[in-house]
Each structure stands twice: as structure tokens, then as C-alpha cells.
Amino acid sequence: MRWMGLDYGDKTIGVALSDELGWTAQGLETIQRRTPDKDAARIKEIAEQYEVAEIVVGLPKNMNNTVGARGEICIAFSEDLQQRLQVPVHLWDERLTTVSATRLLVEADVSRKKRKAVIDKMAAALILQGYMDANKKG
């Protein structure tokens, strides 16, 4: 069973996938947002291609654990996605995932230009990995 992680942003959607055993998450691609229909269609394509059983969407909470405007947008997106794809969609606290992804890339001496190209899918991988680690069975 594969899982998909999504980092839903204003301009892009970072996409990550788990391995077939659900142990590790890897960044797959960054979708340039267009319209809700086109965005959902691309996510559906990926989900079908990789036989994704469940999706995890990052929920940007405030540092005091409340959900702000950006979080409400992500909740609406996840509900719409669940309706369209008919697969379970989970929300996962994504506080500081982009900060963590940036730090990892800076430490790896990745250039600013290359960081920009991979940051969203890396954040999606961190969201998915965190969810999988917290929900391991066994």
C-alpha cells in the first residue's frame, strides 16, 4: 500500500510517495497550481499510477496549535480531494516542515536555485514521513 503526501501551497503542491511497504517517503514532483479541477486531475493521475491507498495533506497550524486562514484552506482542499478521489485523506500538522526542509538542503550545500526547485516536494516527504512514523502498526 502506497501513501501520498501533499504540501499544499499558494502557488505549488509538493508531492511525495511512500515506498510500497510504507516505511519511507520520497519527494516525487511539484505541481504548479492552476485550477482546482486541473490540480485534482494531476493528483488523481499520480494516485492511480502509483496505486495510492491514502493521502496525507499538511495542515499548517499556528505555533499556539490553532488553525488559521491558511489551515482552513488546506482543510477545504483535503475535503474536496477526498470527494473527488474517493480515498481517505488525512490532515497532518506540518508546522516547520518547510523550515526543516530548507535547513536540510542548506546543510547539504544545495544552491538556492536548486533548493527552490525541490523544497515543496521535500516538505511533502517530511509531512508524509512524520505521519507514517506516528502511525506505524506493529
Protein backbone atom coordinates (compact mmCIF):
# COMPACT_ATOMS: atom_id res chain seq x y z
CA MET A 1 0.00 0.00 0.00
CA ARG A 2 1.41 3.38 -1.01
CA TRP A 3 0.63 6.67 0.64
CA MET A 4 0.85 10.12 -0.92
CA GLY A 5 1.90 13.24 0.96
CA LEU A 6 0.93 16.72 -0.21
CA ASP A 7 2.32 20.12 0.78
CA TYR A 8 -0.45 22.46 -0.41
CA GLY A 9 0.83 25.97 -1.05
CA ASP A 10 -0.41 29.14 -2.69
CA LYS A 11 1.39 28.51 -5.99
CA THR A 12 2.50 24.88 -5.84
CA ILE A 13 1.66 21.47 -4.42
CA GLY A 14 4.60 19.37 -3.30
CA VAL A 15 4.01 15.64 -3.85
CA ALA A 16 5.70 12.74 -2.08
CA LEU A 17 5.10 9.00 -2.14
CA SER A 18 5.84 6.20 0.28
CA ASP A 19 7.59 3.03 -0.74
CA GLU A 20 5.27 0.03 -1.14
CA LEU A 21 5.84 -1.10 2.45
CA GLY A 22 5.05 2.33 3.91
CA TRP A 23 8.46 2.75 5.56
CA THR A 24 9.97 5.73 3.77
CA ALA A 25 8.72 8.81 1.94
CA GLN A 26 10.40 10.33 -1.11
CA GLY A 27 9.62 13.56 -2.91
CA LEU A 28 8.11 12.95 -6.34
CA GLU A 29 7.24 16.25 -8.01
CA THR A 30 6.00 19.79 -7.59
CA ILE A 31 2.70 20.64 -9.25
CA GLN A 32 2.29 24.24 -10.42
CA ARG A 33 -1.22 25.15 -9.27
CA ARG A 34 -3.68 26.11 -11.99
CA THR A 35 -7.34 25.41 -11.21
CA PRO A 36 -8.88 23.10 -8.61
CA ASP A 37 -10.02 20.75 -11.40
CA LYS A 38 -6.59 20.57 -13.08
CA ASP A 39 -4.78 20.23 -9.74
CA ALA A 40 -7.08 17.39 -8.63
CA ALA A 41 -6.78 15.71 -12.03
CA ARG A 42 -2.96 15.62 -11.76
CA ILE A 43 -3.12 14.31 -8.20
CA LYS A 44 -5.60 11.64 -9.34
CA GLU A 45 -3.27 10.64 -12.20
CA ILE A 46 -0.39 10.16 -9.77
CA ALA A 47 -2.61 8.31 -7.28
CA GLU A 48 -3.78 5.89 -9.95
CA GLN A 49 -0.31 5.41 -11.47
CA TYR A 50 1.22 4.50 -8.10
CA GLU A 51 -1.88 2.79 -6.65
CA VAL A 52 -2.11 5.19 -3.71
CA ALA A 53 -4.47 3.97 -0.99
CA GLU A 54 -4.41 7.03 1.29
CA ILE A 55 -3.35 10.68 1.11
CA VAL A 56 -1.84 12.90 3.80
CA VAL A 57 -2.20 16.68 3.44
CA GLY A 58 -0.08 19.01 5.53
CA LEU A 59 -2.10 21.21 7.88
CA PRO A 60 -0.29 24.46 8.68
CA LYS A 61 -1.18 25.22 12.28
CA ASN A 62 -0.15 28.31 14.19
CA MET A 63 2.53 27.87 16.84
CA ASN A 64 -0.19 28.04 19.54
CA ASN A 65 -1.85 24.98 17.92
CA THR A 66 -4.78 26.92 16.41
CA VAL A 67 -5.83 26.68 12.78
CA GLY A 68 -5.64 29.96 10.87
CA ALA A 69 -6.79 31.05 7.44
CA ARG A 70 -4.12 29.03 5.61
CA GLY A 71 -5.11 25.95 7.62
CA GLU A 72 -8.78 26.42 6.72
CA ILE A 73 -7.80 26.50 3.02
CA CYS A 74 -5.91 23.21 3.44
CA ILE A 75 -8.87 21.62 5.24
CA ALA A 76 -11.20 22.63 2.38
CA PHE A 77 -8.68 21.30 -0.16
CA SER A 78 -8.41 17.95 1.64
CA GLU A 79 -12.21 17.59 1.87
CA ASP A 80 -12.57 18.39 -1.84
CA LEU A 81 -9.80 15.92 -2.71
CA GLN A 82 -11.44 13.14 -0.70
CA GLN A 83 -14.71 13.75 -2.57
CA ARG A 84 -13.02 13.72 -5.96
CA LEU A 85 -10.68 10.76 -5.47
CA GLN A 86 -12.75 8.63 -3.10
CA VAL A 87 -9.70 7.68 -0.99
CA PRO A 88 -9.08 8.51 2.67
CA VAL A 89 -7.42 11.91 3.11
CA HIS A 90 -5.74 12.69 6.44
CA LEU A 91 -4.50 16.01 7.77
CA TRP A 92 -1.10 16.17 9.46
CA ASP A 93 0.41 19.06 11.42
CA GLU A 94 3.07 20.47 9.14
CA ARG A 95 4.48 23.20 11.38
CA LEU A 96 8.08 23.95 10.46
CA THR A 97 8.36 21.29 7.71
CA THR A 98 9.43 23.85 5.12
CA VAL A 99 11.90 25.28 7.64
CA SER A 100 13.27 21.77 8.28
CA ALA A 101 13.47 21.02 4.56
CA THR A 102 15.32 24.27 3.92
CA ARG A 103 17.75 23.58 6.77
CA LEU A 104 18.49 20.08 5.42
CA LEU A 105 19.15 21.44 1.93
CA VAL A 106 21.37 24.27 3.22
CA GLU A 107 23.37 21.78 5.30
CA ALA A 108 23.77 19.64 2.18
CA ASP A 109 25.16 22.74 0.41
CA VAL A 110 22.41 22.76 -2.22
CA SER A 111 22.35 26.03 -4.17
CA ARG A 112 19.48 28.46 -3.64
CA LYS A 113 18.21 27.87 -7.19
CA LYS A 114 18.16 24.08 -6.74
CA ARG A 115 16.57 24.42 -3.27
CA LYS A 116 13.68 26.36 -4.78
CA ALA A 117 13.06 23.55 -7.26
CA VAL A 118 12.84 20.78 -4.64
CA ILE A 119 11.68 22.44 -1.40
CA ASP A 120 7.95 21.72 -1.84
CA LYS A 121 8.32 18.03 -2.63
CA MET A 122 10.84 17.69 0.19
CA ALA A 123 8.37 19.32 2.61
CA ALA A 124 5.72 16.86 1.34
CA ALA A 125 8.11 13.98 2.08
CA LEU A 126 8.68 15.28 5.64
CA ILE A 127 4.90 15.58 6.17
CA LEU A 128 4.32 12.05 4.90
CA GLN A 129 7.25 10.56 6.84
CA GLY A 130 6.04 12.17 10.06
CA TYR A 131 2.54 10.79 9.55
CA MET A 132 3.80 7.29 8.73
CA ASP A 133 6.19 7.24 11.69
CA ALA A 134 3.43 8.30 14.08
CA ASN A 135 1.00 5.71 12.70
CA LYS A 136 3.24 2.65 12.36
CA LYS A 137 1.49 -0.56 13.15
CA GLY A 138 3.29 -3.29 14.99
